[in-house]
C-alpha atoms as a PDB file:
ATOM      1  CA  MET A   1       5.863  26.385  21.532  1.00  0.00           C
ATOM      2  CA  ALA A   2       2.434  24.683  21.020  1.00  0.00           C
ATOM      3  CA  ARG A   3      -0.008  21.695  21.588  1.00  0.00           C
ATOM      4  CA  SER A   4      -0.142  21.019  17.719  1.00  0.00           C
ATOM      5  CA  VAL A   5       2.471  19.742  15.559  1.00  0.00           C
ATOM      6  CA  ARG A   6       1.275  21.885  12.421  1.00  0.00           C
ATOM      7  CA  HIS A   7       1.746  25.343  14.789  1.00  0.00           C
ATOM      8  CA  PRO A   8       5.495  24.861  15.117  1.00  0.00           C
ATOM      9  CA  THR A   9       6.214  23.324  11.716  1.00  0.00           C
ATOM     10  CA  GLU A  10       4.557  26.637  10.303  1.00  0.00           C
ATOM     11  CA  ILE A  11       6.849  28.935  12.615  1.00  0.00           C
ATOM     12  CA  THR A  12       9.734  27.059  11.853  1.00  0.00           C
ATOM     13  CA  ALA A  13       8.864  27.288   8.067  1.00  0.00           C
ATOM     14  CA  GLN A  14       8.836  30.833   8.088  1.00  0.00           C
ATOM     15  CA  LEU A  15      12.097  31.176   9.955  1.00  0.00           C
ATOM     16  CA  GLN A  16      13.760  28.774   7.659  1.00  0.00           C
ATOM     17  CA  GLU A  17      12.350  31.039   4.625  1.00  0.00           C
ATOM     18  CA  ARG A  18      14.352  34.032   6.375  1.00  0.00           C
ATOM     19  CA  GLY A  19      17.232  31.863   6.618  1.00  0.00           C
ATOM     20  CA  ILE A  20      16.935  31.419  10.457  1.00  0.00           C
ATOM     21  CA  ASP A  21      17.358  27.858  12.039  1.00  0.00           C
ATOM     22  CA  LEU A  22      15.390  27.061  14.992  1.00  0.00           C
ATOM     23  CA  VAL A  23      17.936  25.317  18.172  1.00  0.00           C
ATOM     24  CA  VAL A  24      16.012  24.231  21.531  1.00  0.00           C
ATOM     25  CA  LEU A  25      19.126  24.672  23.784  1.00  0.00           C
ATOM     26  CA  LYS A  26      17.748  22.428  26.723  1.00  0.00           C
ATOM     27  CA  GLN A  27      16.897  19.421  24.538  1.00  0.00           C
ATOM     28  CA  GLY A  28      19.945  20.155  22.087  1.00  0.00           C
ATOM     29  CA  ILE A  29      17.969  19.863  18.970  1.00  0.00           C
ATOM     30  CA  GLY A  30      17.220  21.871  16.241  1.00  0.00           C
ATOM     31  CA  THR A  31      16.707  22.490  12.587  1.00  0.00           C
ATOM     32  CA  ILE A  32      20.325  23.078  11.331  1.00  0.00           C
ATOM     33  CA  THR A  33      20.752  19.018  10.107  1.00  0.00           C
ATOM     34  CA  PRO A  34      18.376  16.629   8.518  1.00  0.00           C
ATOM     35  CA  ALA A  35      18.670  14.620  11.523  1.00  0.00           C
ATOM     36  CA  GLY A  36      17.797  17.256  14.118  1.00  0.00           C
ATOM     37  CA  ARG A  37      14.622  18.246  11.775  1.00  0.00           C
ATOM     38  CA  PHE A  38      13.462  14.774  11.960  1.00  0.00           C
ATOM     39  CA  THR A  39      13.819  14.613  15.656  1.00  0.00           C
ATOM     40  CA  PHE A  40      12.257  18.069  16.011  1.00  0.00           C
ATOM     41  CA  HIS A  41       9.109  16.793  14.397  1.00  0.00           C
ATOM     42  CA  VAL A  42       9.344  13.472  16.239  1.00  0.00           C
ATOM     43  CA  LEU A  43       9.164  15.097  19.949  1.00  0.00           C
ATOM     44  CA  GLY A  44       6.262  17.403  18.387  1.00  0.00           C
ATOM     45  CA  ALA A  45       4.382  14.810  17.326  1.00  0.00           C
ATOM     46  CA  MET A  46       4.667  12.783  20.336  1.00  0.00           C
ATOM     47  CA  ASP A  47       3.519  15.955  22.386  1.00  0.00           C
ATOM     48  CA  GLU A  48       0.742  16.206  20.389  1.00  0.00           C
ATOM     49  CA  MET A  49      -0.541  12.542  20.723  1.00  0.00           C
ATOM     50  CA  PHE A  50       0.181  12.505  24.727  1.00  0.00           C
ATOM     51  CA  ALA A  51      -2.329  15.574  24.894  1.00  0.00           C
ATOM     52  CA  GLY A  52      -5.039  13.654  22.540  1.00  0.00           C
ATOM     53  CA  LEU A  53      -4.602  10.845  24.597  1.00  0.00           C
ATOM     54  CA  ILE A  54      -5.343  12.779  27.665  1.00  0.00           C
ATOM     55  CA  SER A  55      -8.415  14.260  26.006  1.00  0.00           C
ATOM     56  CA  GLU A  56      -9.264  10.676  24.709  1.00  0.00           C
ATOM     57  CA  GLY A  57      -9.287   9.135  28.360  1.00  0.00           C
ATOM     58  CA  THR A  58     -11.419  12.362  29.557  1.00  0.00           C
ATOM     59  CA  ARG A  59     -14.143  11.315  27.062  1.00  0.00           C
ATOM     60  CA  GLU A  60     -13.492   7.425  27.686  1.00  0.00           C
ATOM     61  CA  ARG A  61     -14.234   7.876  31.414  1.00  0.00           C
ATOM     62  CA  LEU A  62     -17.088   9.781  30.803  1.00  0.00           C
ATOM     63  CA  ALA A  63     -18.682   7.468  28.365  1.00  0.00           C
ATOM     64  CA  THR A  64     -17.924   4.563  31.067  1.00  0.00           C
ATOM     65  CA  PHE A  65     -19.485   6.732  33.695  1.00  0.00           C
ATOM     66  CA  CYS A  66     -22.922   7.164  31.362  1.00  0.00           C
ATOM     67  CA  TYR A  67     -22.964   3.711  30.729  1.00  0.00           C
ATOM     68  CA  ALA A  68     -22.561   2.566  34.382  1.00  0.00           C
ATOM     69  CA  GLY A  69     -25.180   4.961  35.226  1.00  0.00           C
ATOM     70  CA  CYS A  70     -27.894   3.759  32.755  1.00  0.00           C
ATOM     71  CA  GLN A  71     -27.108   0.274  33.772  1.00  0.00           C
ATOM     72  CA  GLN A  72     -27.619   1.044  37.253  1.00  0.00           C
ATOM     73  CA  ALA A  73     -30.719   3.073  36.904  1.00  0.00           C
ATOM     74  CA  GLY A  74     -32.046  -0.067  34.935  1.00  0.00           C
ATOM     75  CA  ALA A  75     -31.726  -2.217  37.490  1.00  0.00           C
ATOM     76  CA  SER A  76     -33.346  -0.313  40.059  1.00  0.00           C
ATOM     77  CA  GLY A  77     -36.059   0.870  37.481  1.00  0.00           C
ATOM     78  CA  ARG A  78     -35.388   4.439  37.815  1.00  0.00           C
ATOM     79  CA  ALA A  79     -34.515   7.294  34.812  1.00  0.00           C
ATOM     80  CA  ALA A  80     -30.765   7.969  35.052  1.00  0.00           C
ATOM     81  CA  GLY A  81     -31.047  11.115  37.154  1.00  0.00           C
ATOM     82  CA  PRO A  82     -28.851  14.391  37.316  1.00  0.00           C
ATOM     83  CA  ALA A  83     -25.731  12.847  38.138  1.00  0.00           C
ATOM     84  CA  VAL A  84     -25.191  11.944  34.642  1.00  0.00           C
ATOM     85  CA  PRO A  85     -22.526  14.717  33.576  1.00  0.00           C
ATOM     86  CA  PRO A  86     -23.845  17.057  31.239  1.00  0.00           C
ATOM     87  CA  GLN A  87     -21.257  16.676  28.578  1.00  0.00           C
ATOM     88  CA  VAL A  88     -22.471  13.043  27.883  1.00  0.00           C
ATOM     89  CA  ALA A  89     -25.514  13.723  25.703  1.00  0.00           C
ATOM     90  CA  ALA A  90     -26.883   9.838  25.310  1.00  0.00           C
ATOM     91  CA  CYS A  91     -26.319   6.479  27.396  1.00  0.00           C
ATOM     92  CA  ASP A  92     -25.316   4.548  24.472  1.00  0.00           C
ATOM     93  CA  ALA A  93     -22.037   6.109  24.297  1.00  0.00           C
ATOM     94  CA  ALA A  94     -19.333   3.753  22.819  1.00  0.00           C
ATOM     95  CA  VAL A  95     -17.246   2.063  25.773  1.00  0.00           C
ATOM     96  CA  MET A  96     -13.412   1.395  25.573  1.00  0.00           C
ATOM     97  CA  ASP A  97     -12.432  -1.028  23.217  1.00  0.00           C
ATOM     98  CA  ILE A  98      -9.039  -3.507  23.214  1.00  0.00           C
ATOM     99  CA  ILE A  99      -7.318  -5.106  20.806  1.00  0.00           C
ATOM    100  CA  SER A 100      -4.027  -7.254  21.040  1.00  0.00           C
ATOM    101  CA  LEU A 101      -1.685  -7.584  18.268  1.00  0.00           C
ATOM    102  CA  SER A 102      -1.847 -11.482  18.563  1.00  0.00           C
ATOM    103  CA  ASP A 103      -5.145 -11.306  16.937  1.00  0.00           C
ATOM    104  CA  ALA A 104      -3.890  -9.653  14.186  1.00  0.00           C
ATOM    105  CA  PRO A 105      -3.019 -11.416  10.944  1.00  0.00           C
ATOM    106  CA  ALA A 106       0.902 -12.701  10.725  1.00  0.00           C
ATOM    107  CA  TYR A 107       3.469 -11.917   8.453  1.00  0.00           C
ATOM    108  CA  ASP A 108       3.128 -13.050   4.687  1.00  0.00           C
ATOM    109  CA  SER A 109       6.332 -13.384   2.579  1.00  0.00           C
ATOM    110  CA  ASN A 110       4.268 -13.096  -0.731  1.00  0.00           C
ATOM    111  CA  ARG A 111       2.525  -9.886   0.075  1.00  0.00           C
ATOM    112  CA  VAL A 112       2.459  -6.805   2.583  1.00  0.00           C
ATOM    113  CA  VAL A 113      -0.233  -6.936   5.430  1.00  0.00           C
ATOM    114  CA  ALA A 114      -2.013  -3.711   5.560  1.00  0.00           C
ATOM    115  CA  GLN A 115      -5.110  -3.392   7.324  1.00  0.00           C
ATOM    116  CA  PRO A 116      -7.725  -1.557   9.212  1.00  0.00           C
ATOM    117  CA  PHE A 117      -6.552  -2.497  13.072  1.00  0.00           C
ATOM    118  CA  LEU A 118      -9.130  -0.211  15.560  1.00  0.00           C
ATOM    119  CA  GLU A 119     -11.519   1.956  14.625  1.00  0.00           C
ATOM    120  CA  GLY A 120     -12.305   5.186  16.549  1.00  0.00           C
ATOM    121  CA  SER A 121     -14.909   8.017  16.271  1.00  0.00           C
ATOM    122  CA  GLN A 122     -12.412  10.904  14.977  1.00  0.00           C
ATOM    123  CA  SER A 123      -9.333   8.542  14.239  1.00  0.00           C
ATOM    124  CA  ASN A 124      -8.252   4.812  13.421  1.00  0.00           C
ATOM    125  CA  VAL A 125      -5.333   3.003  13.518  1.00  0.00           C
ATOM    126  CA  ARG A 126      -3.948   0.827  10.725  1.00  0.00           C
ATOM    127  CA  LEU A 127      -1.682  -2.560  11.138  1.00  0.00           C
ATOM    128  CA  ILE A 128       1.255  -3.065   8.541  1.00  0.00           C
ATOM    129  CA  ARG A 129       3.302  -5.975   8.848  1.00  0.00           C
ATOM    130  CA  LEU A 130       6.555  -6.334   6.270  1.00  0.00           C
ATOM    131  CA  SER A 131       8.596  -9.496   5.800  1.00  0.00           C
ATOM    132  CA  PRO A 132      12.241  -9.123   4.960  1.00  0.00           C
ATOM    133  CA  GLY A 133      12.545  -7.342   1.959  1.00  0.00           C
ATOM    134  CA  GLN A 134       9.293  -5.818   1.512  1.00  0.00           C
ATOM    135  CA  ALA A 135       8.298  -2.316   1.233  1.00  0.00           C
ATOM    136  CA  LEU A 136       5.048  -0.722   1.642  1.00  0.00           C
ATOM    137  CA  PRO A 137       3.879   1.090  -1.876  1.00  0.00           C
ATOM    138  CA  PRO A 138       4.557   5.129  -1.627  1.00  0.00           C
ATOM    139  CA  HIS A 139       1.328   7.001  -0.659  1.00  0.00           C
ATOM    140  CA  THR A 140       0.145   9.849   0.987  1.00  0.00           C
ATOM    141  CA  HIS A 141      -3.108  10.282   3.263  1.00  0.00           C
ATOM    142  CA  GLY A 142      -5.142  13.289   1.975  1.00  0.00           C
ATOM    143  CA  SER A 143      -5.784  15.500   4.920  1.00  0.00           C
ATOM    144  CA  SER A 144      -4.949  13.158   7.769  1.00  0.00           C
ATOM    145  CA  ASP A 145      -1.969  13.729   9.978  1.00  0.00           C
ATOM    146  CA  LEU A 146       0.116  10.189  10.475  1.00  0.00           C
ATOM    147  CA  MET A 147       1.976   8.966  13.410  1.00  0.00           C
ATOM    148  CA  ILE A 148       3.677   5.862  12.699  1.00  0.00           C
ATOM    149  CA  PHE A 149       5.042   3.723  15.391  1.00  0.00           C
ATOM    150  CA  ALA A 150       7.909   0.436  14.971  1.00  0.00           C
ATOM    151  CA  VAL A 151       6.572  -2.345  17.278  1.00  0.00           C
ATOM    152  CA  GLU A 152       9.265  -4.484  16.317  1.00  0.00           C
ATOM    153  CA  GLY A 153      11.897  -5.291  13.505  1.00  0.00           C
ATOM    154  CA  GLU A 154      14.393  -2.935  11.660  1.00  0.00           C
ATOM    155  CA  GLY A 155      13.647  -0.763   8.574  1.00  0.00           C
ATOM    156  CA  THR A 156      14.147   2.784   6.707  1.00  0.00           C
ATOM    157  CA  LEU A 157      12.343   5.502   6.295  1.00  0.00           C
ATOM    158  CA  ASP A 158      12.749   7.116   2.950  1.00  0.00           C
ATOM    159  CA  THR A 159      12.372  11.042   3.219  1.00  0.00           C
ATOM    160  CA  ASP A 160      13.381  14.457   1.145  1.00  0.00           C
ATOM    161  CA  ASP A 161      16.611  14.470   3.168  1.00  0.00           C
ATOM    162  CA  GLY A 162      17.694  10.888   2.896  1.00  0.00           C
ATOM    163  CA  THR A 163      17.022   7.478   4.183  1.00  0.00           C
ATOM    164  CA  VAL A 164      16.690   7.441   8.110  1.00  0.00           C
ATOM    165  CA  PRO A 165      16.994   4.054  10.251  1.00  0.00           C
ATOM    166  CA  PHE A 166      13.669   3.260  11.526  1.00  0.00           C
ATOM    167  CA  GLY A 167      13.039   0.283  14.116  1.00  0.00           C
ATOM    168  CA  ALA A 168      11.559  -0.999  16.973  1.00  0.00           C
ATOM    169  CA  GLY A 169      10.505   2.262  19.820  1.00  0.00           C
ATOM    170  CA  SER A 170      10.485   4.950  16.567  1.00  0.00           C
ATOM    171  CA  LEU A 171       7.789   6.957  16.063  1.00  0.00           C
ATOM    172  CA  ALA A 172       7.594   9.232  13.345  1.00  0.00           C
ATOM    173  CA  PHE A 173       4.992  11.983  12.039  1.00  0.00           C
ATOM    174  CA  TYR A 174       3.959  12.948   8.645  1.00  0.00           C
ATOM    175  CA  ARG A 175       1.143  15.456   7.305  1.00  0.00           C
ATOM    176  CA  GLY A 176      -1.434  13.929   5.191  1.00  0.00           C
ATOM    177  CA  ASP A 177       0.336  15.556   1.844  1.00  0.00           C
ATOM    178  CA  GLU A 178       3.713  14.210   2.810  1.00  0.00           C
ATOM    179  CA  GLU A 179       4.406  10.790   0.882  1.00  0.00           C
ATOM    180  CA  LEU A 180       5.122   7.517   3.390  1.00  0.00           C
ATOM    181  CA  ARG A 181       8.038   5.444   1.885  1.00  0.00           C
ATOM    182  CA  VAL A 182       9.076   2.658   4.586  1.00  0.00           C
ATOM    183  CA  ALA A 183      10.790  -0.524   4.024  1.00  0.00           C
ATOM    184  CA  ASN A 184      11.959  -3.778   5.901  1.00  0.00           C
ATOM    185  CA  THR A 185      15.999  -3.746   5.521  1.00  0.00           C
ATOM    186  CA  GLY A 186      16.199  -6.297   8.491  1.00  0.00           C
ATOM    187  CA  GLN A 187      16.444  -9.899   9.011  1.00  0.00           C
ATOM    188  CA  ALA A 188      13.391 -10.502  10.485  1.00  0.00           C
ATOM    189  CA  GLY A 189       9.411  -9.298  10.317  1.00  0.00           C
ATOM    190  CA  LEU A 190       8.726  -5.226  10.719  1.00  0.00           C
ATOM    191  CA  THR A 191       5.562  -4.651  12.365  1.00  0.00           C
ATOM    192  CA  LEU A 192       4.169  -1.005  12.429  1.00  0.00           C
ATOM    193  CA  LEU A 193       1.079   0.940  13.786  1.00  0.00           C
ATOM    194  CA  ALA A 194      -0.251   3.601  11.726  1.00  0.00           C
ATOM    195  CA  PHE A 195      -2.145   6.515  13.841  1.00  0.00           C
ATOM    196  CA  LEU A 196      -4.614   8.363  11.897  1.00  0.00           C
ATOM    197  CA  SER A 197      -6.458  11.410  12.536  1.00  0.00           C
ATOM    198  CA  PRO A 198      -8.938  12.398  11.171  1.00  0.00           C
ATOM    199  CA  SER A 199      -9.829   8.741  10.012  1.00  0.00           C
ATOM    200  CA  PHE A 200      -8.126   7.141   6.565  1.00  0.00           C
ATOM    201  CA  PRO A 201      -9.537   6.381   4.433  1.00  0.00           C
ATOM    202  CA  PRO A 202     -12.318   8.942   4.754  1.00  0.00           C
ATOM    203  CA  ARG A 203     -15.603   7.481   5.836  1.00  0.00           C
ATOM    204  CA  SER A 204     -18.422   7.754   3.565  1.00  0.00           C
ATOM    205  CA  GLY A 205     -20.655  10.835   4.365  1.00  0.00           C
ATOM    206  CA  THR A 206     -17.520  12.431   6.184  1.00  0.00           C
END
């Protein structure tokens, strides 16, 4: 219905106020059951994420093009010419950054590991590592949308519709005002990546 999670969510809420459930026949999902509503939100979040990744990839290619053009111009003693796309305002644009989970802190049985992992200009990623039996303190994220991905392990999400299994390969979407309640109920560590847009906590001056 849209390239934004918020739009179909608002449409669904309006329909449910009138006692109407939404069913997507082709995918066989809908808002009749709690599990169906959860799946509906996750698929919408994935669609929005993929659209955002395409947009981010375009900006990265423009930034890399600008950086390469400036490097070549500097080596030849010439100023960067009109070949640089007009969408790029300056040649000091950030280049792609890569980080690996192997560089992140390990599990700590004495405390929850939750810290910044990767920072972007309009979004950020936080790393969460829960040892068996640990739970993340319940909290919300202000005006930031959250997409949380389970990298490894098994756990649960405590939602308003009940407890939902949440294990490796699962992706969940939360609006900023929705409370995140996640726990490790497995026998091994649970690693989560939390994608937030706009960045959370908000940066000073924003």
